[in-house]
Amino acid sequence: VAVLEEGMKFQAIGIPPEQAQFLETRKFQINEIARIFRVPPHMVGDLE
């Protein structure tokens, strides 16, 4: 819990991971690298 004094305010900036599709990007790069070596995705742990 943050305690602010003297009228101080905290304004968050930046892009949250859900907006930047962080997990989707990581999953796509895994498939991209598997495609380079021609390895099926299920052999690198992607069973989707």
All heavy atoms as atom14 arrays in JSON, in Angstrom:
{
  "sequence": "VAVLEEGMKFQAIGIPPEQAQFLETRKFQINEIARIFRVPPHMVGDLE",
  "atom14_mask": [
    [1, 1, 1, 1, 1, 1, 1, 0, 0, 0, 0, 0, 0, 0],
    [1, 1, 1, 1, 1, 0, 0, 0, 0, 0, 0, 0, 0, 0],
    [1, 1, 1, 1, 1, 1, 1, 0, 0, 0, 0, 0, 0, 0],
    [1, 1, 1, 1, 1, 1, 1, 1, 0, 0, 0, 0, 0, 0],
    [1, 1, 1, 1, 1, 1, 1, 1, 1, 0, 0, 0, 0, 0],
    [1, 1, 1, 1, 1, 1, 1, 1, 1, 0, 0, 0, 0, 0],
    [1, 1, 1, 1, 0, 0, 0, 0, 0, 0, 0, 0, 0, 0],
    [1, 1, 1, 1, 1, 1, 1, 1, 0, 0, 0, 0, 0, 0],
    [1, 1, 1, 1, 1, 1, 1, 1, 1, 0, 0, 0, 0, 0],
    [1, 1, 1, 1, 1, 1, 1, 1, 1, 1, 1, 0, 0, 0],
    [1, 1, 1, 1, 1, 1, 1, 1, 1, 0, 0, 0, 0, 0],
    [1, 1, 1, 1, 1, 0, 0, 0, 0, 0, 0, 0, 0, 0],
    [1, 1, 1, 1, 1, 1, 1, 1, 0, 0, 0, 0, 0, 0],
    [1, 1, 1, 1, 0, 0, 0, 0, 0, 0, 0, 0, 0, 0],
    [1, 1, 1, 1, 1, 1, 1, 1, 0, 0, 0, 0, 0, 0],
    [1, 1, 1, 1, 1, 1, 1, 0, 0, 0, 0, 0, 0, 0],
    [1, 1, 1, 1, 1, 1, 1, 0, 0, 0, 0, 0, 0, 0],
    [1, 1, 1, 1, 1, 1, 1, 1, 1, 0, 0, 0, 0, 0],
    [1, 1, 1, 1, 1, 1, 1, 1, 1, 0, 0, 0, 0, 0],
    [1, 1, 1, 1, 1, 0, 0, 0, 0, 0, 0, 0, 0, 0],
    [1, 1, 1, 1, 1, 1, 1, 1, 1, 0, 0, 0, 0, 0],
    [1, 1, 1, 1, 1, 1, 1, 1, 1, 1, 1, 0, 0, 0],
    [1, 1, 1, 1, 1, 1, 1, 1, 0, 0, 0, 0, 0, 0],
    [1, 1, 1, 1, 1, 1, 1, 1, 1, 0, 0, 0, 0, 0],
    [1, 1, 1, 1, 1, 1, 1, 0, 0, 0, 0, 0, 0, 0],
    [1, 1, 1, 1, 1, 1, 1, 1, 1, 1, 1, 0, 0, 0],
    [1, 1, 1, 1, 1, 1, 1, 1, 1, 0, 0, 0, 0, 0],
    [1, 1, 1, 1, 1, 1, 1, 1, 1, 1, 1, 0, 0, 0],
    [1, 1, 1, 1, 1, 1, 1, 1, 1, 0, 0, 0, 0, 0],
    [1, 1, 1, 1, 1, 1, 1, 1, 0, 0, 0, 0, 0, 0],
    [1, 1, 1, 1, 1, 1, 1, 1, 0, 0, 0, 0, 0, 0],
    [1, 1, 1, 1, 1, 1, 1, 1, 1, 0, 0, 0, 0, 0],
    [1, 1, 1, 1, 1, 1, 1, 1, 0, 0, 0, 0, 0, 0],
    [1, 1, 1, 1, 1, 0, 0, 0, 0, 0, 0, 0, 0, 0],
    [1, 1, 1, 1, 1, 1, 1, 1, 1, 1, 1, 0, 0, 0],
    [1, 1, 1, 1, 1, 1, 1, 1, 0, 0, 0, 0, 0, 0],
    [1, 1, 1, 1, 1, 1, 1, 1, 1, 1, 1, 0, 0, 0],
    [1, 1, 1, 1, 1, 1, 1, 1, 1, 1, 1, 0, 0, 0],
    [1, 1, 1, 1, 1, 1, 1, 0, 0, 0, 0, 0, 0, 0],
    [1, 1, 1, 1, 1, 1, 1, 0, 0, 0, 0, 0, 0, 0],
    [1, 1, 1, 1, 1, 1, 1, 0, 0, 0, 0, 0, 0, 0],
    [1, 1, 1, 1, 1, 1, 1, 1, 1, 1, 0, 0, 0, 0],
    [1, 1, 1, 1, 1, 1, 1, 1, 0, 0, 0, 0, 0, 0],
    [1, 1, 1, 1, 1, 1, 1, 0, 0, 0, 0, 0, 0, 0],
    [1, 1, 1, 1, 0, 0, 0, 0, 0, 0, 0, 0, 0, 0],
    [1, 1, 1, 1, 1, 1, 1, 1, 0, 0, 0, 0, 0, 0],
    [1, 1, 1, 1, 1, 1, 1, 1, 0, 0, 0, 0, 0, 0],
    [1, 1, 1, 1, 1, 1, 1, 1, 1, 0, 0, 0, 0, 0]
  ],
  "atom14_positions": [
    [[0.85, -1.19, 0.0], [0.0, 0.0, 0.0], [0.89, 1.24, 0.0], [1.75, 1.4, 0.87], [-0.95, 0.0, 1.2], [-1.8, 1.27, 1.2], [-1.83, -1.23, 1.19], [0.0, 0.0, 0.0], [0.0, 0.0, 0.0], [0.0, 0.0, 0.0], [0.0, 0.0, 0.0], [0.0, 0.0, 0.0], [0.0, 0.0, 0.0], [0.0, 0.0, 0.0]],
    [[0.68, 2.1, -0.98], [1.44, 3.33, -1.09], [0.76, 4.44, -0.28], [-0.46, 4.6, -0.34], [1.58, 3.75, -2.55], [0.0, 0.0, 0.0], [0.0, 0.0, 0.0], [0.0, 0.0, 0.0], [0.0, 0.0, 0.0], [0.0, 0.0, 0.0], [0.0, 0.0, 0.0], [0.0, 0.0, 0.0], [0.0, 0.0, 0.0], [0.0, 0.0, 0.0]],
    [[1.56, 5.2, 0.44], [1.08, 6.33, 1.23], [1.67, 7.6, 0.64], [2.89, 7.77, 0.59], [1.47, 6.19, 2.71], [0.98, 7.4, 3.49], [0.91, 4.91, 3.3], [0.0, 0.0, 0.0], [0.0, 0.0, 0.0], [0.0, 0.0, 0.0], [0.0, 0.0, 0.0], [0.0, 0.0, 0.0], [0.0, 0.0, 0.0], [0.0, 0.0, 0.0]],
    [[0.8, 8.49, 0.16], [1.22, 9.73, -0.48], [0.86, 10.91, 0.41], [-0.23, 10.95, 1.01], [0.57, 9.87, -1.87], [0.84, 8.72, -2.85], [0.07, 8.95, -4.16], [2.31, 8.56, -3.14], [0.0, 0.0, 0.0], [0.0, 0.0, 0.0], [0.0, 0.0, 0.0], [0.0, 0.0, 0.0], [0.0, 0.0, 0.0], [0.0, 0.0, 0.0]],
    [[1.76, 11.88, 0.51], [1.57, 13.05, 1.36], [1.58, 14.32, 0.53], [2.01, 14.34, -0.64], [2.65, 13.13, 2.44], [2.74, 11.92, 3.34], [3.85, 12.05, 4.37], [3.64, 12.69, 5.36], [4.92, 11.52, 4.15], [0.0, 0.0, 0.0], [0.0, 0.0, 0.0], [0.0, 0.0, 0.0], [0.0, 0.0, 0.0], [0.0, 0.0, 0.0]],
    [[1.12, 15.4, 1.14], [1.2, 16.76, 0.59], [0.55, 16.85, -0.79], [1.07, 17.52, -1.69], [2.65, 17.22, 0.52], [3.34, 17.27, 1.87], [4.79, 17.7, 1.75], [5.26, 17.89, 0.6], [5.46, 17.84, 2.78], [0.0, 0.0, 0.0], [0.0, 0.0, 0.0], [0.0, 0.0, 0.0], [0.0, 0.0, 0.0], [0.0, 0.0, 0.0]],
    [[-0.57, 16.14, -0.99], [-1.28, 16.22, -2.26], [-0.6, 15.53, -3.42], [-0.95, 15.75, -4.58], [0.0, 0.0, 0.0], [0.0, 0.0, 0.0], [0.0, 0.0, 0.0], [0.0, 0.0, 0.0], [0.0, 0.0, 0.0], [0.0, 0.0, 0.0], [0.0, 0.0, 0.0], [0.0, 0.0, 0.0], [0.0, 0.0, 0.0], [0.0, 0.0, 0.0]],
    [[0.38, 14.68, -3.15], [1.1, 13.97, -4.21], [0.21, 12.9, -4.82], [-0.55, 12.23, -4.14], [2.38, 13.35, -3.65], [3.33, 12.77, -4.69], [4.86, 12.14, -3.95], [5.56, 13.64, -3.29], [0.0, 0.0, 0.0], [0.0, 0.0, 0.0], [0.0, 0.0, 0.0], [0.0, 0.0, 0.0], [0.0, 0.0, 0.0], [0.0, 0.0, 0.0]],
    [[0.32, 12.7, -6.15], [-0.45, 11.73, -6.88], [0.49, 10.86, -7.72], [1.53, 11.32, -8.19], [-1.49, 12.39, -7.78], [-2.53, 13.2, -7.04], [-3.52, 13.82, -8.01], [-4.57, 14.65, -7.28], [-5.53, 15.28, -8.23], [0.0, 0.0, 0.0], [0.0, 0.0, 0.0], [0.0, 0.0, 0.0], [0.0, 0.0, 0.0], [0.0, 0.0, 0.0]],
    [[0.09, 9.6, -7.91], [0.83, 8.68, -8.76], [0.02, 8.4, -10.01], [-1.13, 7.95, -9.94], [1.13, 7.36, -8.03], [1.83, 6.35, -8.89], [3.18, 6.44, -9.14], [1.12, 5.29, -9.45], [3.83, 5.5, -9.93], [1.76, 4.36, -10.25], [3.13, 4.46, -10.49], [0.0, 0.0, 0.0], [0.0, 0.0, 0.0], [0.0, 0.0, 0.0]],
    [[0.59, 8.65, -11.15], [-0.05, 8.42, -12.44], [0.72, 7.34, -13.19], [1.88, 7.54, -13.58], [-0.09, 9.72, -13.26], [-0.79, 9.58, -14.61], [-2.27, 9.32, -14.48], [-2.92, 9.85, -13.58], [-2.81, 8.5, -15.37], [0.0, 0.0, 0.0], [0.0, 0.0, 0.0], [0.0, 0.0, 0.0], [0.0, 0.0, 0.0], [0.0, 0.0, 0.0]],
    [[0.07, 6.19, -13.35], [0.73, 5.07, -14.04], [0.81, 5.35, -15.53], [-0.12, 5.88, -16.13], [-0.02, 3.77, -13.78], [0.0, 0.0, 0.0], [0.0, 0.0, 0.0], [0.0, 0.0, 0.0], [0.0, 0.0, 0.0], [0.0, 0.0, 0.0], [0.0, 0.0, 0.0], [0.0, 0.0, 0.0], [0.0, 0.0, 0.0], [0.0, 0.0, 0.0]],
    [[1.92, 4.94, -16.14], [2.11, 5.05, -17.58], [2.62, 3.71, -18.09], [3.01, 2.83, -17.34], [3.1, 6.17, -17.95], [4.47, 5.91, -17.33], [2.55, 7.52, -17.55], [5.53, 6.89, -17.76], [0.0, 0.0, 0.0], [0.0, 0.0, 0.0], [0.0, 0.0, 0.0], [0.0, 0.0, 0.0], [0.0, 0.0, 0.0], [0.0, 0.0, 0.0]],
    [[2.63, 3.57, -19.37], [3.08, 2.33, -19.99], [1.91, 1.49, -20.47], [0.76, 1.77, -20.17], [0.0, 0.0, 0.0], [0.0, 0.0, 0.0], [0.0, 0.0, 0.0], [0.0, 0.0, 0.0], [0.0, 0.0, 0.0], [0.0, 0.0, 0.0], [0.0, 0.0, 0.0], [0.0, 0.0, 0.0], [0.0, 0.0, 0.0], [0.0, 0.0, 0.0]],
    [[2.22, 0.46, -21.2], [1.21, -0.41, -21.8], [1.18, -1.71, -21.03], [2.2, -2.41, -20.93], [1.53, -0.68, -23.28], [1.61, 0.63, -24.04], [0.47, -1.58, -23.89], [2.02, 0.47, -25.49], [0.0, 0.0, 0.0], [0.0, 0.0, 0.0], [0.0, 0.0, 0.0], [0.0, 0.0, 0.0], [0.0, 0.0, 0.0], [0.0, 0.0, 0.0]],
    [[0.04, -2.08, -20.46], [-0.05, -3.35, -19.75], [0.15, -4.53, -20.69], [-0.07, -4.42, -21.91], [-1.47, -3.33, -19.18], [-1.89, -1.91, -19.23], [-1.18, -1.28, -20.38], [0.0, 0.0, 0.0], [0.0, 0.0, 0.0], [0.0, 0.0, 0.0], [0.0, 0.0, 0.0], [0.0, 0.0, 0.0], [0.0, 0.0, 0.0], [0.0, 0.0, 0.0]],
    [[0.59, -5.65, -20.18], [0.83, -6.81, -21.04], [-0.4, -7.28, -21.81], [-0.27, -7.75, -22.95], [1.32, -7.88, -20.07], [1.76, -7.17, -18.88], [0.99, -5.9, -18.8], [0.0, 0.0, 0.0], [0.0, 0.0, 0.0], [0.0, 0.0, 0.0], [0.0, 0.0, 0.0], [0.0, 0.0, 0.0], [0.0, 0.0, 0.0], [0.0, 0.0, 0.0]],
    [[-1.59, -7.19, -21.2], [-2.77, -7.64, -21.93], [-3.05, -6.79, -23.15], [-3.61, -7.28, -24.15], [-3.99, -7.67, -21.02], [-4.37, -6.32, -20.41], [-3.68, -6.06, -19.1], [-2.69, -6.75, -18.82], [-4.12, -5.18, -18.33], [0.0, 0.0, 0.0], [0.0, 0.0, 0.0], [0.0, 0.0, 0.0], [0.0, 0.0, 0.0], [0.0, 0.0, 0.0]],
    [[-2.69, -5.47, -23.09], [-2.9, -4.62, -24.25], [-1.82, -4.84, -25.3], [-2.06, -4.68, -26.49], [-2.94, -3.16, -23.82], [-4.08, -2.81, -22.88], [-4.11, -1.34, -22.51], [-3.42, -0.52, -23.13], [-4.92, -0.98, -21.51], [0.0, 0.0, 0.0], [0.0, 0.0, 0.0], [0.0, 0.0, 0.0], [0.0, 0.0, 0.0], [0.0, 0.0, 0.0]],
    [[-0.65, -5.1, -24.88], [0.44, -5.35, -25.82], [0.46, -6.79, -26.33], [1.32, -7.15, -27.15], [1.78, -5.04, -25.16], [0.0, 0.0, 0.0], [0.0, 0.0, 0.0], [0.0, 0.0, 0.0], [0.0, 0.0, 0.0], [0.0, 0.0, 0.0], [0.0, 0.0, 0.0], [0.0, 0.0, 0.0], [0.0, 0.0, 0.0], [0.0, 0.0, 0.0]],
    [[-0.47, -7.65, -25.85], [-0.53, -9.05, -26.25], [0.82, -9.74, -26.04], [1.37, -10.39, -26.91], [-0.98, -9.19, -27.69], [-2.38, -8.68, -27.96], [-2.84, -8.87, -29.38], [-2.02, -9.09, -30.26], [-4.14, -8.81, -29.62], [0.0, 0.0, 0.0], [0.0, 0.0, 0.0], [0.0, 0.0, 0.0], [0.0, 0.0, 0.0], [0.0, 0.0, 0.0]],
    [[1.29, -9.56, -24.82], [2.61, -10.08, -24.47], [2.68, -11.6, -24.61], [3.58, -12.14, -25.24], [2.95, -9.64, -23.04], [4.12, -10.34, -22.44], [5.4, -10.14, -22.92], [3.96, -11.22, -21.38], [6.49, -10.78, -22.37], [5.03, -11.87, -20.82], [6.31, -11.65, -21.31], [0.0, 0.0, 0.0], [0.0, 0.0, 0.0], [0.0, 0.0, 0.0]],
    [[1.73, -12.3, -24.04], [1.75, -13.76, -24.1], [1.56, -14.28, -25.52], [2.19, -15.26, -25.92], [0.67, -14.33, -23.18], [0.84, -14.06, -21.69], [-0.31, -14.66, -20.91], [2.16, -14.63, -21.19], [0.0, 0.0, 0.0], [0.0, 0.0, 0.0], [0.0, 0.0, 0.0], [0.0, 0.0, 0.0], [0.0, 0.0, 0.0], [0.0, 0.0, 0.0]],
    [[0.69, -13.63, -26.29], [0.49, -14.05, -27.67], [1.75, -13.86, -28.5], [2.07, -14.67, -29.38], [-0.67, -13.27, -28.28], [-2.05, -13.69, -27.79], [-2.35, -13.15, -26.39], [-1.53, -12.37, -25.87], [-3.39, -13.52, -25.82], [0.0, 0.0, 0.0], [0.0, 0.0, 0.0], [0.0, 0.0, 0.0], [0.0, 0.0, 0.0], [0.0, 0.0, 0.0]],
    [[2.47, -12.77, -28.23], [3.72, -12.53, -28.95], [4.75, -13.6, -28.64], [5.43, -14.11, -29.53], [4.28, -11.14, -28.61], [3.3, -10.15, -28.93], [5.54, -10.86, -29.39], [0.0, 0.0, 0.0], [0.0, 0.0, 0.0], [0.0, 0.0, 0.0], [0.0, 0.0, 0.0], [0.0, 0.0, 0.0], [0.0, 0.0, 0.0], [0.0, 0.0, 0.0]],
    [[4.89, -13.95, -27.36], [5.83, -14.99, -26.99], [5.45, -16.34, -27.62], [6.32, -17.08, -28.08], [5.88, -15.14, -25.47], [6.52, -13.97, -24.74], [7.11, -14.41, -23.42], [8.22, -15.34, -23.65], [8.83, -16.01, -22.67], [8.44, -15.87, -21.44], [9.83, -16.85, -22.95], [0.0, 0.0, 0.0], [0.0, 0.0, 0.0], [0.0, 0.0, 0.0]],
    [[4.17, -16.66, -27.65], [3.73, -17.91, -28.24], [4.01, -17.94, -29.74], [4.42, -18.96, -30.29], [2.25, -18.13, -27.97], [1.7, -19.48, -28.44], [0.22, -19.6, -28.16], [-0.02, -19.55, -26.66], [-1.48, -19.76, -26.34], [0.0, 0.0, 0.0], [0.0, 0.0, 0.0], [0.0, 0.0, 0.0], [0.0, 0.0, 0.0], [0.0, 0.0, 0.0]],
    [[3.78, -16.82, -30.42], [4.05, -16.75, -31.85], [5.53, -16.93, -32.14], [5.9, -17.59, -33.12], [3.55, -15.43, -32.42], [3.85, -15.26, -33.89], [3.07, -15.86, -34.85], [4.94, -14.51, -34.3], [3.35, -15.72, -36.19], [5.23, -14.36, -35.64], [4.43, -14.97, -36.59], [0.0, 0.0, 0.0], [0.0, 0.0, 0.0], [0.0, 0.0, 0.0]],
    [[6.39, -16.34, -31.31], [7.83, -16.49, -31.54], [8.29, -17.92, -31.32], [9.21, -18.38, -31.99], [8.6, -15.53, -30.63], [8.41, -14.05, -30.99], [8.69, -13.76, -32.43], [7.81, -13.31, -33.16], [9.88, -14.06, -32.9], [0.0, 0.0, 0.0], [0.0, 0.0, 0.0], [0.0, 0.0, 0.0], [0.0, 0.0, 0.0], [0.0, 0.0, 0.0]],
    [[7.65, -18.62, -30.42], [7.98, -20.04, -30.25], [7.66, -20.81, -31.52], [8.47, -21.62, -32.0], [7.24, -20.62, -29.04], [7.77, -20.0, -27.74], [7.38, -22.13, -29.0], [7.02, -20.44, -26.5], [0.0, 0.0, 0.0], [0.0, 0.0, 0.0], [0.0, 0.0, 0.0], [0.0, 0.0, 0.0], [0.0, 0.0, 0.0], [0.0, 0.0, 0.0]],
    [[6.48, -20.58, -32.09], [6.12, -21.23, -33.34], [7.03, -20.79, -34.49], [7.34, -21.57, -35.39], [4.66, -20.95, -33.69], [3.69, -21.62, -32.73], [3.99, -22.67, -32.17], [2.54, -21.01, -32.51], [0.0, 0.0, 0.0], [0.0, 0.0, 0.0], [0.0, 0.0, 0.0], [0.0, 0.0, 0.0], [0.0, 0.0, 0.0], [0.0, 0.0, 0.0]],
    [[7.43, -19.53, -34.47], [8.33, -19.02, -35.51], [9.68, -19.74, -35.47], [10.22, -20.13, -36.51], [8.52, -17.51, -35.33], [9.31, -16.85, -36.44], [8.47, -16.5, -37.64], [7.29, -16.91, -37.72], [8.98, -15.81, -38.52], [0.0, 0.0, 0.0], [0.0, 0.0, 0.0], [0.0, 0.0, 0.0], [0.0, 0.0, 0.0], [0.0, 0.0, 0.0]],
    [[10.24, -19.9, -34.29], [11.52, -20.58, -34.15], [11.38, -22.07, -34.49], [12.25, -22.65, -35.15], [12.07, -20.38, -32.73], [12.4, -18.9, -32.51], [13.3, -21.24, -32.49], [12.78, -18.56, -31.09], [0.0, 0.0, 0.0], [0.0, 0.0, 0.0], [0.0, 0.0, 0.0], [0.0, 0.0, 0.0], [0.0, 0.0, 0.0], [0.0, 0.0, 0.0]],
    [[10.27, -22.69, -34.07], [10.04, -24.09, -34.44], [9.91, -24.24, -35.95], [10.33, -25.25, -36.52], [8.78, -24.61, -33.75], [0.0, 0.0, 0.0], [0.0, 0.0, 0.0], [0.0, 0.0, 0.0], [0.0, 0.0, 0.0], [0.0, 0.0, 0.0], [0.0, 0.0, 0.0], [0.0, 0.0, 0.0], [0.0, 0.0, 0.0], [0.0, 0.0, 0.0]],
    [[9.35, -23.23, -36.62], [9.23, -23.26, -38.08], [10.61, -23.18, -38.75], [10.82, -23.77, -39.81], [8.35, -22.1, -38.53], [7.96, -22.16, -40.0], [7.08, -20.96, -40.38], [5.87, -20.94, -39.59], [5.55, -19.97, -38.74], [6.34, -18.93, -38.6], [4.42, -20.02, -38.05], [0.0, 0.0, 0.0], [0.0, 0.0, 0.0], [0.0, 0.0, 0.0]],
    [[11.53, -22.45, -38.15], [12.88, -22.34, -38.71], [13.55, -23.71, -38.76], [14.16, -24.08, -39.76], [13.72, -21.34, -37.88], [13.12, -19.93, -37.98], [15.18, -21.35, -38.34], [13.74, -18.96, -37.0], [0.0, 0.0, 0.0], [0.0, 0.0, 0.0], [0.0, 0.0, 0.0], [0.0, 0.0, 0.0], [0.0, 0.0, 0.0], [0.0, 0.0, 0.0]],
    [[13.44, -24.46, -37.67], [14.07, -25.77, -37.59], [13.16, -26.9, -38.09], [13.56, -28.06, -38.03], [14.5, -26.06, -36.15], [15.6, -25.17, -35.66], [15.32, -24.06, -34.88], [16.92, -25.43, -35.95], [16.33, -23.24, -34.42], [17.94, -24.62, -35.49], [17.64, -23.51, -34.73], [0.0, 0.0, 0.0], [0.0, 0.0, 0.0], [0.0, 0.0, 0.0]],
    [[11.96, -26.58, -38.54], [10.98, -27.56, -39.03], [10.69, -28.62, -37.97], [10.66, -29.82, -38.24], [11.45, -28.2, -40.33], [11.38, -27.27, -41.53], [11.54, -28.0, -42.83], [12.83, -28.64, -42.96], [13.23, -29.32, -44.01], [12.42, -29.45, -45.04], [14.42, -29.88, -44.05], [0.0, 0.0, 0.0], [0.0, 0.0, 0.0], [0.0, 0.0, 0.0]],
    [[10.46, -28.16, -36.75], [10.09, -29.03, -35.64], [8.61, -28.82, -35.35], [8.16, -27.68, -35.22], [10.94, -28.73, -34.4], [10.46, -29.53, -33.2], [12.41, -29.03, -34.67], [0.0, 0.0, 0.0], [0.0, 0.0, 0.0], [0.0, 0.0, 0.0], [0.0, 0.0, 0.0], [0.0, 0.0, 0.0], [0.0, 0.0, 0.0], [0.0, 0.0, 0.0]],
    [[7.81, -29.88, -35.26], [6.39, -29.72, -34.94], [6.19, -28.99, -33.62], [6.95, -29.24, -32.66], [5.87, -31.16, -34.89], [6.84, -31.95, -35.7], [8.17, -31.29, -35.51], [0.0, 0.0, 0.0], [0.0, 0.0, 0.0], [0.0, 0.0, 0.0], [0.0, 0.0, 0.0], [0.0, 0.0, 0.0], [0.0, 0.0, 0.0], [0.0, 0.0, 0.0]],
    [[5.2, -28.11, -33.52], [5.02, -27.34, -32.28], [4.81, -28.21, -31.05], [5.24, -27.83, -29.96], [3.77, -26.48, -32.59], [3.74, -26.37, -34.08], [4.28, -27.66, -34.58], [0.0, 0.0, 0.0], [0.0, 0.0, 0.0], [0.0, 0.0, 0.0], [0.0, 0.0, 0.0], [0.0, 0.0, 0.0], [0.0, 0.0, 0.0], [0.0, 0.0, 0.0]],
    [[4.17, -29.37, -31.21], [3.92, -30.19, -30.03], [5.2, -30.75, -29.44], [5.24, -31.12, -28.26], [2.96, -31.33, -30.38], [3.59, -32.46, -31.14], [3.65, -32.48, -32.51], [4.19, -33.61, -30.74], [4.24, -33.58, -32.92], [4.6, -34.28, -31.87], [0.0, 0.0, 0.0], [0.0, 0.0, 0.0], [0.0, 0.0, 0.0], [0.0, 0.0, 0.0]],
    [[6.29, -30.81, -30.22], [7.55, -31.32, -29.71], [8.3, -30.29, -28.88], [9.26, -30.65, -28.19], [8.43, -31.81, -30.87], [7.81, -32.91, -31.69], [8.93, -33.64, -32.92], [10.0, -34.59, -31.83], [0.0, 0.0, 0.0], [0.0, 0.0, 0.0], [0.0, 0.0, 0.0], [0.0, 0.0, 0.0], [0.0, 0.0, 0.0], [0.0, 0.0, 0.0]],
    [[7.9, -29.02, -28.95], [8.49, -27.97, -28.11], [7.51, -27.52, -27.04], [7.69, -26.45, -26.44], [8.97, -26.77, -28.94], [10.13, -27.18, -29.84], [7.85, -26.2, -29.78], [0.0, 0.0, 0.0], [0.0, 0.0, 0.0], [0.0, 0.0, 0.0], [0.0, 0.0, 0.0], [0.0, 0.0, 0.0], [0.0, 0.0, 0.0], [0.0, 0.0, 0.0]],
    [[6.47, -28.3, -26.82], [5.56, -28.03, -25.72], [4.33, -27.24, -26.06], [3.57, -26.89, -25.16], [0.0, 0.0, 0.0], [0.0, 0.0, 0.0], [0.0, 0.0, 0.0], [0.0, 0.0, 0.0], [0.0, 0.0, 0.0], [0.0, 0.0, 0.0], [0.0, 0.0, 0.0], [0.0, 0.0, 0.0], [0.0, 0.0, 0.0], [0.0, 0.0, 0.0]],
    [[4.08, -26.94, -27.34], [2.9, -26.2, -27.74], [1.84, -27.2, -28.21], [1.88, -27.69, -29.34], [3.22, -25.2, -28.85], [2.04, -24.3, -29.2], [1.0, -24.39, -28.51], [2.15, -23.5, -30.16], [0.0, 0.0, 0.0], [0.0, 0.0, 0.0], [0.0, 0.0, 0.0], [0.0, 0.0, 0.0], [0.0, 0.0, 0.0], [0.0, 0.0, 0.0]],
    [[0.88, -27.51, -27.35], [-0.15, -28.51, -27.64], [-1.49, -27.88, -27.94], [-2.53, -28.56, -27.89], [-0.29, -29.47, -26.46], [0.98, -30.24, -26.06], [0.72, -31.06, -24.82], [1.47, -31.11, -27.2], [0.0, 0.0, 0.0], [0.0, 0.0, 0.0], [0.0, 0.0, 0.0], [0.0, 0.0, 0.0], [0.0, 0.0, 0.0], [0.0, 0.0, 0.0]],
    [[-1.52, -26.59, -28.28], [-2.78, -25.9, -28.47], [-3.58, -26.48, -29.63], [-4.8, -26.67, -29.52], [-2.53, -24.41, -28.7], [-3.81, -23.59, -28.86], [-3.53, -22.11, -29.05], [-2.33, -21.75, -29.04], [-4.49, -21.33, -29.19], [0.0, 0.0, 0.0], [0.0, 0.0, 0.0], [0.0, 0.0, 0.0], [0.0, 0.0, 0.0], [0.0, 0.0, 0.0]]
  ]
}
